[in-house]
């Protein structure tokens, strides 16, 4: 009966996996920038959402190094073999998550979250609550994602402005600028190997 309960708890916990994927990993910054690229290129549904999400997930797993395997070998596998209890497994996952997030969270964001709860930031990293650390980490990821998206979108905006100016000077005011600028932006993006270049820079930004 206890084994069945453990498996039921594990399977139920898996339903929260998408939540933790967004809350404690760099998935957020990847998907924000990828979505900004698609918007800047003037594309509506290409690449599809499922492609961007899958790319962000696998890139997130790649940049996190041995963290996923550490959770599997140190928590999930012993838990499935009943070598550790659910409480020990949960505590271990919390420690691994804190080890990833603490070096990458902004101090200002952490102070803001503690200020929301009208409490003071602990003196040591070990005392930081996971419930405070997760929203602070998400705020940091959102901030970085939007900053990176801004720098990604500026070159495409310049292309749009140049194309619009050229069309206006030629008197072709009835021709939508996006009709001309989209192929140009796609060509430049492909020639510069944009997906790999931006993904590499995002991955390097997670390295401490």
N, C-alpha and C. Protein backbone atom coordinates (compact mmCIF):
# COMPACT_ATOMS: atom_id res chain seq x y z
N UNK A 1 0.83 -1.21 0.00
CA UNK A 1 0.00 0.00 0.00
C UNK A 1 0.87 1.26 0.00
N UNK A 2 1.96 1.23 0.80
CA UNK A 2 2.85 2.38 0.86
C UNK A 2 3.52 2.62 -0.48
N UNK A 3 3.89 1.51 -1.17
CA UNK A 3 4.54 1.67 -2.48
C UNK A 3 3.58 2.28 -3.49
N UNK A 4 2.32 1.85 -3.45
CA UNK A 4 1.33 2.42 -4.36
C UNK A 4 1.12 3.90 -4.08
N UNK A 5 1.13 4.26 -2.80
CA UNK A 5 0.96 5.67 -2.44
C UNK A 5 2.14 6.50 -2.93
N UNK A 6 3.35 5.94 -2.82
CA UNK A 6 4.54 6.66 -3.30
C UNK A 6 4.47 6.90 -4.80
N UNK A 7 4.08 5.89 -5.54
CA UNK A 7 3.98 6.04 -6.99
C UNK A 7 2.88 7.03 -7.35
N UNK A 8 1.78 6.99 -6.61
CA UNK A 8 0.70 7.96 -6.85
C UNK A 8 1.20 9.38 -6.61
N UNK A 9 1.98 9.57 -5.54
CA UNK A 9 2.52 10.89 -5.23
C UNK A 9 3.50 11.36 -6.30
N UNK A 10 4.34 10.43 -6.77
CA UNK A 10 5.31 10.79 -7.82
C UNK A 10 4.60 11.20 -9.09
N UNK A 11 3.61 10.41 -9.51
CA UNK A 11 2.88 10.73 -10.74
C UNK A 11 2.10 12.03 -10.60
N UNK A 12 1.56 12.28 -9.42
CA UNK A 12 0.84 13.54 -9.19
C UNK A 12 1.81 14.72 -9.24
N UNK A 13 3.01 14.52 -8.71
CA UNK A 13 4.01 15.59 -8.71
C UNK A 13 4.44 15.96 -10.12
N UNK A 14 4.37 14.99 -11.04
CA UNK A 14 4.78 15.26 -12.42
C UNK A 14 3.87 16.29 -13.09
N UNK A 15 2.64 16.44 -12.58
CA UNK A 15 1.73 17.43 -13.17
C UNK A 15 2.24 18.85 -12.91
N UNK A 16 3.09 19.01 -11.88
CA UNK A 16 3.65 20.33 -11.57
C UNK A 16 4.96 20.56 -12.31
N UNK A 17 5.40 19.60 -13.12
CA UNK A 17 6.67 19.74 -13.82
C UNK A 17 6.73 20.96 -14.73
N UNK A 18 5.67 21.25 -15.53
CA UNK A 18 5.73 22.48 -16.36
C UNK A 18 5.88 23.75 -15.52
N UNK A 19 5.24 23.76 -14.35
CA UNK A 19 5.35 24.94 -13.47
C UNK A 19 6.79 25.12 -13.02
N UNK A 20 7.43 24.05 -12.56
CA UNK A 20 8.80 24.16 -12.09
C UNK A 20 9.76 24.43 -13.24
N UNK A 21 9.42 23.93 -14.44
CA UNK A 21 10.27 24.20 -15.60
C UNK A 21 10.36 25.69 -15.87
N UNK A 22 9.26 26.39 -15.69
CA UNK A 22 9.23 27.84 -15.91
C UNK A 22 9.83 28.59 -14.71
N UNK A 23 9.58 28.08 -13.50
CA UNK A 23 9.90 28.84 -12.30
C UNK A 23 11.35 28.74 -11.87
N UNK A 24 12.03 27.63 -12.15
CA UNK A 24 13.38 27.44 -11.57
C UNK A 24 14.44 27.16 -12.62
N UNK A 25 14.14 27.40 -13.88
CA UNK A 25 15.12 27.17 -14.95
C UNK A 25 15.19 28.40 -15.85
N UNK A 26 16.22 28.47 -16.71
CA UNK A 26 16.31 29.61 -17.64
C UNK A 26 15.38 29.49 -18.84
N UNK A 27 14.40 28.60 -18.76
CA UNK A 27 13.43 28.44 -19.86
C UNK A 27 12.77 29.76 -20.21
N UNK A 28 12.50 30.56 -19.19
CA UNK A 28 11.75 31.81 -19.39
C UNK A 28 12.49 32.76 -20.32
N UNK A 29 13.80 32.93 -20.11
CA UNK A 29 14.54 33.87 -20.96
C UNK A 29 14.62 33.36 -22.39
N UNK A 30 14.74 32.05 -22.57
CA UNK A 30 14.82 31.50 -23.92
C UNK A 30 13.53 31.72 -24.69
N UNK A 31 12.40 31.41 -24.08
CA UNK A 31 11.13 31.49 -24.80
C UNK A 31 10.76 32.95 -25.08
N UNK A 32 11.13 33.88 -24.19
CA UNK A 32 10.86 35.29 -24.44
C UNK A 32 11.63 35.78 -25.65
N UNK A 33 12.92 35.45 -25.72
CA UNK A 33 13.74 35.91 -26.83
C UNK A 33 13.33 35.24 -28.12
N UNK A 34 13.03 33.95 -28.09
CA UNK A 34 12.60 33.26 -29.31
C UNK A 34 11.30 33.86 -29.84
N UNK A 35 10.38 34.17 -28.95
CA UNK A 35 9.12 34.79 -29.38
C UNK A 35 9.38 36.18 -29.96
N UNK A 36 10.32 36.92 -29.36
CA UNK A 36 10.65 38.25 -29.88
C UNK A 36 11.27 38.16 -31.27
N UNK A 37 12.08 37.14 -31.51
CA UNK A 37 12.67 36.95 -32.84
C UNK A 37 11.58 36.74 -33.88
N UNK A 38 10.64 35.88 -33.57
CA UNK A 38 9.56 35.62 -34.53
C UNK A 38 8.75 36.89 -34.80
N UNK A 39 8.49 37.65 -33.76
CA UNK A 39 7.74 38.89 -33.95
C UNK A 39 8.54 39.90 -34.76
N UNK A 40 9.84 40.01 -34.47
CA UNK A 40 10.68 40.98 -35.17
C UNK A 40 10.82 40.64 -36.64
N UNK A 41 10.82 39.37 -36.96
CA UNK A 41 10.91 38.95 -38.35
C UNK A 41 9.62 39.20 -39.12
N UNK A 42 8.55 39.48 -38.40
CA UNK A 42 7.26 39.73 -39.04
C UNK A 42 6.49 38.46 -39.35
N UNK A 43 6.89 37.35 -38.71
CA UNK A 43 6.23 36.07 -38.93
C UNK A 43 5.16 35.86 -37.87
N UNK A 44 4.05 35.30 -38.26
CA UNK A 44 2.95 35.10 -37.34
C UNK A 44 3.02 33.75 -36.62
N UNK A 45 3.09 32.68 -37.39
CA UNK A 45 3.07 31.34 -36.79
C UNK A 45 4.21 30.47 -37.28
N UNK A 46 5.30 31.06 -37.68
CA UNK A 46 6.43 30.28 -38.15
C UNK A 46 7.72 30.86 -37.53
N UNK A 47 8.43 30.06 -36.74
CA UNK A 47 8.15 28.68 -36.36
C UNK A 47 6.94 28.59 -35.43
N UNK A 48 6.24 27.45 -35.44
CA UNK A 48 5.07 27.30 -34.55
C UNK A 48 5.48 27.37 -33.08
N UNK A 49 4.49 27.61 -32.23
CA UNK A 49 4.76 27.70 -30.79
C UNK A 49 5.41 26.43 -30.25
N UNK A 50 4.94 25.28 -30.73
CA UNK A 50 5.46 24.02 -30.22
C UNK A 50 6.94 23.87 -30.53
N UNK A 51 7.37 24.42 -31.67
CA UNK A 51 8.80 24.35 -32.04
C UNK A 51 9.62 25.23 -31.11
N UNK A 52 9.16 26.45 -30.86
CA UNK A 52 9.88 27.36 -29.97
C UNK A 52 9.94 26.80 -28.55
N UNK A 53 8.83 26.22 -28.09
CA UNK A 53 8.81 25.66 -26.74
C UNK A 53 9.76 24.47 -26.63
N UNK A 54 9.74 23.59 -27.63
CA UNK A 54 10.63 22.43 -27.61
C UNK A 54 12.10 22.87 -27.65
N UNK A 55 12.40 23.86 -28.49
CA UNK A 55 13.78 24.36 -28.57
C UNK A 55 14.21 24.97 -27.24
N UNK A 56 13.31 25.73 -26.61
CA UNK A 56 13.63 26.34 -25.31
C UNK A 56 13.84 25.28 -24.23
N UNK A 57 13.03 24.22 -24.26
CA UNK A 57 13.15 23.15 -23.26
C UNK A 57 14.49 22.43 -23.40
N UNK A 58 14.81 21.99 -24.61
CA UNK A 58 16.04 21.23 -24.79
C UNK A 58 17.28 22.09 -24.58
N UNK A 59 17.20 23.37 -24.95
CA UNK A 59 18.32 24.27 -24.68
C UNK A 59 18.48 24.49 -23.18
N UNK A 60 17.37 24.59 -22.48
CA UNK A 60 17.41 24.74 -21.02
C UNK A 60 18.09 23.54 -20.37
N UNK A 61 17.72 22.34 -20.81
CA UNK A 61 18.34 21.13 -20.27
C UNK A 61 19.83 21.12 -20.55
N UNK A 62 20.21 21.57 -21.75
CA UNK A 62 21.63 21.56 -22.13
C UNK A 62 22.45 22.52 -21.27
N UNK A 63 21.92 23.73 -21.02
CA UNK A 63 22.71 24.73 -20.30
C UNK A 63 22.75 24.46 -18.80
N UNK A 64 21.82 23.66 -18.28
CA UNK A 64 21.81 23.38 -16.85
C UNK A 64 22.81 22.30 -16.46
N UNK A 65 23.52 21.75 -17.44
CA UNK A 65 24.59 20.82 -17.14
C UNK A 65 24.11 19.55 -16.47
N UNK A 66 24.71 19.23 -15.32
CA UNK A 66 24.40 17.98 -14.64
C UNK A 66 23.26 18.10 -13.63
N UNK A 67 22.58 19.23 -13.60
CA UNK A 67 21.48 19.41 -12.65
C UNK A 67 20.35 18.40 -12.91
N UNK A 68 19.85 18.24 -14.16
CA UNK A 68 18.80 17.24 -14.39
C UNK A 68 19.23 15.82 -14.01
N UNK A 69 20.45 15.44 -14.40
CA UNK A 69 20.92 14.09 -14.07
C UNK A 69 21.13 13.94 -12.57
N UNK A 70 21.52 15.03 -11.91
CA UNK A 70 21.69 14.99 -10.46
C UNK A 70 20.36 14.74 -9.76
N UNK A 71 19.30 15.37 -10.25
CA UNK A 71 17.98 15.15 -9.67
C UNK A 71 17.51 13.72 -9.94
N UNK A 72 17.78 13.23 -11.14
CA UNK A 72 17.33 11.87 -11.48
C UNK A 72 18.06 10.82 -10.65
N UNK A 73 19.40 10.91 -10.64
CA UNK A 73 20.18 9.88 -9.95
C UNK A 73 20.16 10.03 -8.43
N UNK A 74 20.04 11.28 -7.96
CA UNK A 74 20.10 11.50 -6.53
C UNK A 74 18.77 11.56 -5.83
N UNK A 75 17.68 11.74 -6.61
CA UNK A 75 16.36 11.89 -5.99
C UNK A 75 15.35 10.90 -6.56
N UNK A 76 15.09 11.00 -7.87
CA UNK A 76 14.01 10.20 -8.45
C UNK A 76 14.30 8.70 -8.40
N UNK A 77 15.53 8.31 -8.74
CA UNK A 77 15.87 6.89 -8.74
C UNK A 77 15.83 6.29 -7.33
N UNK A 78 16.47 6.92 -6.34
CA UNK A 78 16.35 6.37 -4.98
C UNK A 78 14.91 6.37 -4.46
N UNK A 79 14.12 7.39 -4.85
CA UNK A 79 12.73 7.44 -4.40
C UNK A 79 11.92 6.31 -5.00
N UNK A 80 12.16 6.01 -6.28
CA UNK A 80 11.43 4.91 -6.92
C UNK A 80 11.79 3.56 -6.32
N UNK A 81 13.00 3.45 -5.79
CA UNK A 81 13.44 2.20 -5.15
C UNK A 81 13.22 2.22 -3.64
N UNK A 82 12.54 3.26 -3.15
CA UNK A 82 12.18 3.40 -1.74
C UNK A 82 13.41 3.46 -0.84
N UNK A 83 14.50 3.99 -1.36
CA UNK A 83 15.70 4.17 -0.54
C UNK A 83 15.63 5.45 0.29
N UNK A 84 14.81 6.40 -0.15
CA UNK A 84 14.62 7.64 0.59
C UNK A 84 13.13 7.93 0.69
N UNK A 85 12.77 8.76 1.63
CA UNK A 85 11.36 9.13 1.81
C UNK A 85 11.01 10.32 0.93
N UNK A 86 9.72 10.58 0.82
CA UNK A 86 9.25 11.71 0.03
C UNK A 86 9.77 13.03 0.60
N UNK A 87 9.83 13.13 1.92
CA UNK A 87 10.31 14.37 2.53
C UNK A 87 11.78 14.60 2.20
N UNK A 88 12.58 13.56 2.27
CA UNK A 88 14.00 13.69 1.94
C UNK A 88 14.16 14.07 0.47
N UNK A 89 13.35 13.44 -0.40
CA UNK A 89 13.42 13.75 -1.82
C UNK A 89 13.05 15.20 -2.09
N UNK A 90 11.99 15.67 -1.44
CA UNK A 90 11.56 17.05 -1.64
C UNK A 90 12.63 18.03 -1.14
N UNK A 91 13.24 17.73 0.01
CA UNK A 91 14.30 18.60 0.54
C UNK A 91 15.50 18.62 -0.40
N UNK A 92 15.83 17.48 -0.97
CA UNK A 92 16.97 17.42 -1.87
C UNK A 92 16.71 18.23 -3.15
N UNK A 93 15.50 18.13 -3.68
CA UNK A 93 15.15 18.90 -4.88
C UNK A 93 15.21 20.40 -4.59
N UNK A 94 14.74 20.78 -3.41
CA UNK A 94 14.78 22.20 -3.02
C UNK A 94 16.22 22.69 -2.96
N UNK A 95 17.11 21.89 -2.39
CA UNK A 95 18.51 22.29 -2.28
C UNK A 95 19.17 22.41 -3.65
N UNK A 96 18.85 21.47 -4.55
CA UNK A 96 19.42 21.55 -5.90
C UNK A 96 18.90 22.79 -6.62
N UNK A 97 17.59 23.06 -6.48
CA UNK A 97 17.00 24.24 -7.13
C UNK A 97 17.61 25.52 -6.57
N UNK A 98 17.79 25.58 -5.26
CA UNK A 98 18.39 26.78 -4.66
C UNK A 98 19.83 26.95 -5.12
N UNK A 99 20.55 25.83 -5.25
CA UNK A 99 21.92 25.91 -5.72
C UNK A 99 22.03 26.48 -7.12
N UNK A 100 21.00 26.23 -7.96
CA UNK A 100 21.00 26.78 -9.31
C UNK A 100 20.57 28.25 -9.32
N UNK A 101 19.54 28.59 -8.54
CA UNK A 101 18.94 29.91 -8.64
C UNK A 101 19.71 31.00 -7.90
N UNK A 102 20.24 30.69 -6.73
CA UNK A 102 20.85 31.72 -5.88
C UNK A 102 21.96 32.51 -6.58
N UNK A 103 22.89 31.87 -7.30
CA UNK A 103 23.93 32.68 -7.95
C UNK A 103 23.42 33.52 -9.12
N UNK A 104 22.21 33.22 -9.59
CA UNK A 104 21.70 33.85 -10.81
C UNK A 104 20.56 34.82 -10.55
N UNK A 105 20.15 34.97 -9.31
CA UNK A 105 19.05 35.87 -9.00
C UNK A 105 19.60 37.24 -8.67
N UNK A 106 18.87 38.25 -9.09
CA UNK A 106 19.27 39.63 -8.79
C UNK A 106 18.97 39.96 -7.33
N UNK A 107 19.93 40.61 -6.68
CA UNK A 107 19.72 40.99 -5.29
C UNK A 107 18.56 41.96 -5.13
N UNK A 108 18.38 42.85 -6.08
CA UNK A 108 17.26 43.80 -6.02
C UNK A 108 15.92 43.08 -6.10
N UNK A 109 15.84 42.07 -6.97
CA UNK A 109 14.59 41.32 -7.09
C UNK A 109 14.29 40.53 -5.82
N UNK A 110 15.33 39.96 -5.22
CA UNK A 110 15.14 39.21 -3.98
C UNK A 110 14.68 40.14 -2.87
N UNK A 111 15.27 41.32 -2.78
CA UNK A 111 14.85 42.29 -1.78
C UNK A 111 13.41 42.75 -2.02
N UNK A 112 13.04 42.89 -3.30
CA UNK A 112 11.67 43.32 -3.62
C UNK A 112 10.65 42.28 -3.18
N UNK A 113 10.96 40.99 -3.40
CA UNK A 113 10.04 39.93 -3.00
C UNK A 113 9.90 39.88 -1.49
N UNK A 114 11.02 40.00 -0.78
CA UNK A 114 10.94 40.01 0.69
C UNK A 114 10.20 41.24 1.19
N UNK A 115 10.36 42.37 0.48
CA UNK A 115 9.64 43.58 0.88
C UNK A 115 8.13 43.41 0.71
N UNK A 116 7.74 42.65 -0.32
CA UNK A 116 6.31 42.39 -0.53
C UNK A 116 5.69 41.66 0.66
N UNK A 117 6.47 40.77 1.26
CA UNK A 117 5.97 40.00 2.40
C UNK A 117 6.30 40.67 3.73
N UNK A 118 6.83 41.90 3.64
CA UNK A 118 7.15 42.69 4.83
C UNK A 118 8.11 41.95 5.76
N UNK A 119 9.15 41.39 5.16
CA UNK A 119 10.18 40.70 5.93
C UNK A 119 11.54 41.11 5.38
N UNK A 120 12.57 40.80 6.12
CA UNK A 120 13.92 41.19 5.75
C UNK A 120 14.65 40.03 5.08
N UNK A 121 15.58 40.36 4.21
CA UNK A 121 16.36 39.35 3.52
C UNK A 121 17.29 38.68 4.52
N UNK A 122 17.34 37.34 4.54
CA UNK A 122 18.23 36.64 5.47
C UNK A 122 19.69 36.99 5.23
N UNK A 123 20.48 36.82 6.28
CA UNK A 123 21.90 37.16 6.19
C UNK A 123 22.69 36.14 5.39
N UNK A 124 22.23 34.89 5.37
CA UNK A 124 22.95 33.83 4.66
C UNK A 124 22.07 33.23 3.57
N UNK A 125 22.73 32.66 2.56
CA UNK A 125 21.99 32.07 1.45
C UNK A 125 21.17 30.86 1.89
N UNK A 126 21.67 30.12 2.89
CA UNK A 126 20.96 28.92 3.34
C UNK A 126 19.62 29.25 3.95
N UNK A 127 19.47 30.48 4.45
CA UNK A 127 18.22 30.87 5.11
C UNK A 127 17.18 31.43 4.15
N UNK A 128 17.55 31.61 2.89
CA UNK A 128 16.61 32.15 1.91
C UNK A 128 15.51 31.13 1.65
N UNK A 129 14.28 31.56 1.76
CA UNK A 129 13.15 30.67 1.55
C UNK A 129 12.95 30.39 0.07
N UNK A 130 12.64 29.14 -0.26
CA UNK A 130 12.42 28.77 -1.66
C UNK A 130 11.19 29.47 -2.21
N UNK A 131 10.21 29.74 -1.35
CA UNK A 131 9.00 30.43 -1.81
C UNK A 131 9.26 31.90 -2.14
N UNK A 132 10.31 32.47 -1.58
CA UNK A 132 10.71 33.84 -1.92
C UNK A 132 11.71 33.83 -3.08
N UNK A 133 12.53 32.80 -3.12
CA UNK A 133 13.57 32.74 -4.14
C UNK A 133 12.98 32.51 -5.53
N UNK A 134 11.94 31.70 -5.63
CA UNK A 134 11.38 31.39 -6.95
C UNK A 134 10.80 32.61 -7.65
N UNK A 135 9.94 33.42 -7.01
CA UNK A 135 9.45 34.62 -7.72
C UNK A 135 10.56 35.62 -8.02
N UNK A 136 11.57 35.72 -7.11
CA UNK A 136 12.68 36.63 -7.37
C UNK A 136 13.48 36.17 -8.59
N UNK A 137 13.68 34.86 -8.69
CA UNK A 137 14.41 34.32 -9.84
C UNK A 137 13.62 34.54 -11.13
N UNK A 138 12.30 34.37 -11.07
CA UNK A 138 11.48 34.59 -12.26
C UNK A 138 11.52 36.06 -12.68
N UNK A 139 11.51 36.96 -11.72
CA UNK A 139 11.61 38.39 -12.05
C UNK A 139 12.94 38.69 -12.73
N UNK A 140 14.02 38.07 -12.24
CA UNK A 140 15.33 38.28 -12.85
C UNK A 140 15.36 37.74 -14.27
N UNK A 141 14.75 36.57 -14.48
CA UNK A 141 14.73 35.98 -15.81
C UNK A 141 13.88 36.82 -16.77
N UNK A 142 12.76 37.32 -16.27
CA UNK A 142 11.92 38.19 -17.10
C UNK A 142 12.68 39.45 -17.50
N UNK A 143 13.38 40.04 -16.55
CA UNK A 143 14.13 41.27 -16.84
C UNK A 143 15.21 41.00 -17.88
N UNK A 144 15.97 39.92 -17.70
CA UNK A 144 17.02 39.62 -18.66
C UNK A 144 16.43 39.27 -20.03
N UNK A 145 15.33 38.51 -20.03
CA UNK A 145 14.71 38.12 -21.29
C UNK A 145 14.26 39.33 -22.10
N UNK A 146 13.65 40.32 -21.44
CA UNK A 146 13.18 41.49 -22.16
C UNK A 146 14.33 42.39 -22.60
N UNK A 147 15.39 42.45 -21.80
CA UNK A 147 16.58 43.21 -22.22
C UNK A 147 17.19 42.58 -23.48
N UNK A 148 17.33 41.26 -23.45
CA UNK A 148 17.90 40.57 -24.61
C UNK A 148 16.98 40.72 -25.82
N UNK A 149 15.66 40.64 -25.60
CA UNK A 149 14.71 40.79 -26.71
C UNK A 149 14.82 42.17 -27.34
N UNK A 150 15.04 43.19 -26.51
CA UNK A 150 15.19 44.55 -27.03
C UNK A 150 16.38 44.64 -27.99
N UNK A 151 17.53 44.12 -27.57
CA UNK A 151 18.73 44.19 -28.41
C UNK A 151 18.59 43.33 -29.66
N UNK A 152 17.78 42.27 -29.57
CA UNK A 152 17.55 41.43 -30.74
C UNK A 152 16.65 42.15 -31.75
N UNK A 153 15.67 42.88 -31.25
CA UNK A 153 14.67 43.49 -32.13
C UNK A 153 15.15 44.78 -32.79
N UNK A 154 16.12 45.48 -32.17
CA UNK A 154 16.57 46.76 -32.71
C UNK A 154 17.08 46.65 -34.15
N UNK A 155 17.96 45.68 -34.49
CA UNK A 155 18.42 45.59 -35.89
C UNK A 155 17.29 45.38 -36.88
N UNK A 156 16.31 44.59 -36.51
CA UNK A 156 15.18 44.36 -37.40
C UNK A 156 14.35 45.63 -37.56
N UNK A 157 14.24 46.41 -36.49
CA UNK A 157 13.54 47.69 -36.58
C UNK A 157 14.25 48.63 -37.53
N UNK A 158 15.56 48.64 -37.49
CA UNK A 158 16.32 49.50 -38.40
C UNK A 158 16.09 49.10 -39.85
N UNK A 159 16.01 47.79 -40.10
CA UNK A 159 15.73 47.34 -41.47
C UNK A 159 14.36 47.84 -41.91
N UNK A 160 13.37 47.74 -41.03
CA UNK A 160 12.02 48.22 -41.36
C UNK A 160 12.03 49.72 -41.66
N UNK A 161 12.78 50.49 -40.87
CA UNK A 161 12.83 51.93 -41.09
C UNK A 161 13.50 52.28 -42.41
N UNK A 162 14.59 51.58 -42.73
CA UNK A 162 15.30 51.84 -43.99
C UNK A 162 14.41 51.50 -45.18
N UNK A 163 13.75 50.36 -45.11
CA UNK A 163 12.88 49.95 -46.22
C UNK A 163 11.73 50.93 -46.38
N UNK A 164 11.15 51.36 -45.25
CA UNK A 164 10.03 52.32 -45.33
C UNK A 164 10.50 53.63 -45.95
N UNK A 165 11.71 54.11 -45.54
CA UNK A 165 12.24 55.35 -46.10
C UNK A 165 12.51 55.25 -47.59
N UNK A 166 13.05 54.11 -48.02
CA UNK A 166 13.33 53.93 -49.45
C UNK A 166 12.04 53.90 -50.26
N UNK A 167 11.05 53.18 -49.76
CA UNK A 167 9.78 53.09 -50.48
C UNK A 167 9.09 54.45 -50.55
N UNK A 168 9.18 55.23 -49.47
CA UNK A 168 8.58 56.57 -49.48
C UNK A 168 9.29 57.47 -50.47
N UNK A 169 10.61 57.38 -50.52
CA UNK A 169 11.37 58.23 -51.44
C UNK A 169 11.10 57.86 -52.89
N UNK A 170 10.75 56.61 -53.15
CA UNK A 170 10.42 56.17 -54.51
C UNK A 170 8.95 56.40 -54.86
N UNK A 171 8.20 56.89 -53.89
CA UNK A 171 6.79 57.16 -54.14
C UNK A 171 5.92 55.92 -54.11
N UNK A 172 6.45 54.82 -53.59
CA UNK A 172 5.69 53.57 -53.55
C UNK A 172 4.96 53.47 -52.21
N UNK A 173 4.07 54.41 -51.98
CA UNK A 173 3.40 54.47 -50.69
C UNK A 173 2.31 53.41 -50.55
N UNK A 174 1.87 52.84 -51.65
CA UNK A 174 0.81 51.82 -51.59
C UNK A 174 1.37 50.44 -51.30
N UNK A 175 2.69 50.26 -51.38
CA UNK A 175 3.30 48.96 -51.14
C UNK A 175 3.64 48.83 -49.65
N UNK A 176 3.03 47.85 -48.97
CA UNK A 176 3.33 47.68 -47.54
C UNK A 176 4.82 47.42 -47.33
N UNK A 177 5.48 48.15 -46.44
CA UNK A 177 6.93 47.95 -46.22
C UNK A 177 7.29 46.54 -45.79
N UNK A 178 6.39 45.87 -45.05
CA UNK A 178 6.68 44.53 -44.57
C UNK A 178 6.84 43.53 -45.71
N UNK A 179 6.19 43.82 -46.84
CA UNK A 179 6.31 42.94 -48.00
C UNK A 179 7.75 42.88 -48.51
N UNK A 180 8.46 43.99 -48.38
CA UNK A 180 9.85 44.05 -48.82
C UNK A 180 10.81 43.72 -47.69
N UNK A 181 10.51 44.22 -46.50
CA UNK A 181 11.45 44.06 -45.39
C UNK A 181 11.53 42.63 -44.87
N UNK A 182 10.42 41.88 -44.93
CA UNK A 182 10.44 40.53 -44.39
C UNK A 182 11.45 39.63 -45.10
N UNK A 183 11.46 39.57 -46.44
CA UNK A 183 12.48 38.74 -47.09
C UNK A 183 13.91 39.18 -46.78
N UNK A 184 14.11 40.51 -46.67
CA UNK A 184 15.45 41.01 -46.36
C UNK A 184 15.87 40.57 -44.95
N UNK A 185 14.96 40.69 -43.99
CA UNK A 185 15.28 40.28 -42.62
C UNK A 185 15.52 38.79 -42.54
N UNK A 186 14.73 38.01 -43.24
CA UNK A 186 14.93 36.56 -43.25
C UNK A 186 16.29 36.20 -43.85
N UNK A 187 16.65 36.86 -44.94
CA UNK A 187 17.92 36.57 -45.59
C UNK A 187 19.09 36.90 -44.66
N UNK A 188 19.04 38.09 -44.03
CA UNK A 188 20.11 38.49 -43.11
C UNK A 188 20.19 37.55 -41.92
N UNK A 189 19.03 37.15 -41.40
CA UNK A 189 19.00 36.27 -40.23
C UNK A 189 19.60 34.91 -40.56
N UNK A 190 19.28 34.40 -41.74
CA UNK A 190 19.81 33.10 -42.14
C UNK A 190 21.31 33.18 -42.42
N UNK A 191 21.75 34.25 -43.10
CA UNK A 191 23.16 34.40 -43.42
C UNK A 191 24.02 34.53 -42.16
N UNK A 192 23.47 35.16 -41.14
CA UNK A 192 24.21 35.33 -39.88
C UNK A 192 24.06 34.14 -38.94
N UNK A 193 23.30 33.12 -39.40
CA UNK A 193 23.02 31.95 -38.54
C UNK A 193 22.44 32.41 -37.22
N UNK A 194 21.37 33.20 -37.33
CA UNK A 194 20.80 33.90 -36.18
C UNK A 194 20.37 33.01 -35.03
N UNK A 195 19.70 31.89 -35.33
CA UNK A 195 19.21 31.04 -34.26
C UNK A 195 20.35 30.52 -33.39
N UNK A 196 21.40 30.01 -34.05
CA UNK A 196 22.54 29.48 -33.29
C UNK A 196 23.28 30.58 -32.55
N UNK A 197 23.45 31.73 -33.19
CA UNK A 197 24.19 32.83 -32.58
C UNK A 197 23.48 33.33 -31.32
N UNK A 198 22.19 33.56 -31.42
CA UNK A 198 21.43 34.08 -30.28
C UNK A 198 21.33 33.03 -29.18
N UNK A 199 21.08 31.77 -29.56
CA UNK A 199 20.99 30.71 -28.56
C UNK A 199 22.31 30.54 -27.82
N UNK A 200 23.43 30.63 -28.53
CA UNK A 200 24.73 30.51 -27.89
C UNK A 200 24.96 31.63 -26.89
N UNK A 201 24.61 32.85 -27.25
CA UNK A 201 24.77 33.97 -26.34
C UNK A 201 23.85 33.85 -25.13
N UNK A 202 22.64 33.37 -25.32
CA UNK A 202 21.74 33.17 -24.19
C UNK A 202 22.28 32.09 -23.27
N UNK A 203 22.81 31.02 -23.85
CA UNK A 203 23.37 29.94 -23.04
C UNK A 203 24.57 30.44 -22.22
N UNK A 204 25.41 31.24 -22.85
CA UNK A 204 26.58 31.76 -22.14
C UNK A 204 26.18 32.72 -21.03
N UNK A 205 25.04 33.37 -21.18
CA UNK A 205 24.59 34.31 -20.15
C UNK A 205 24.17 33.61 -18.87
N UNK A 206 23.90 32.30 -18.92
CA UNK A 206 23.51 31.56 -17.72
C UNK A 206 24.72 31.03 -16.96
N UNK A 207 25.90 31.12 -17.56
CA UNK A 207 27.11 30.58 -16.91
C UNK A 207 27.59 31.59 -15.87
N UNK A 208 27.83 31.10 -14.67
CA UNK A 208 28.31 31.95 -13.59
C UNK A 208 29.82 31.78 -13.42
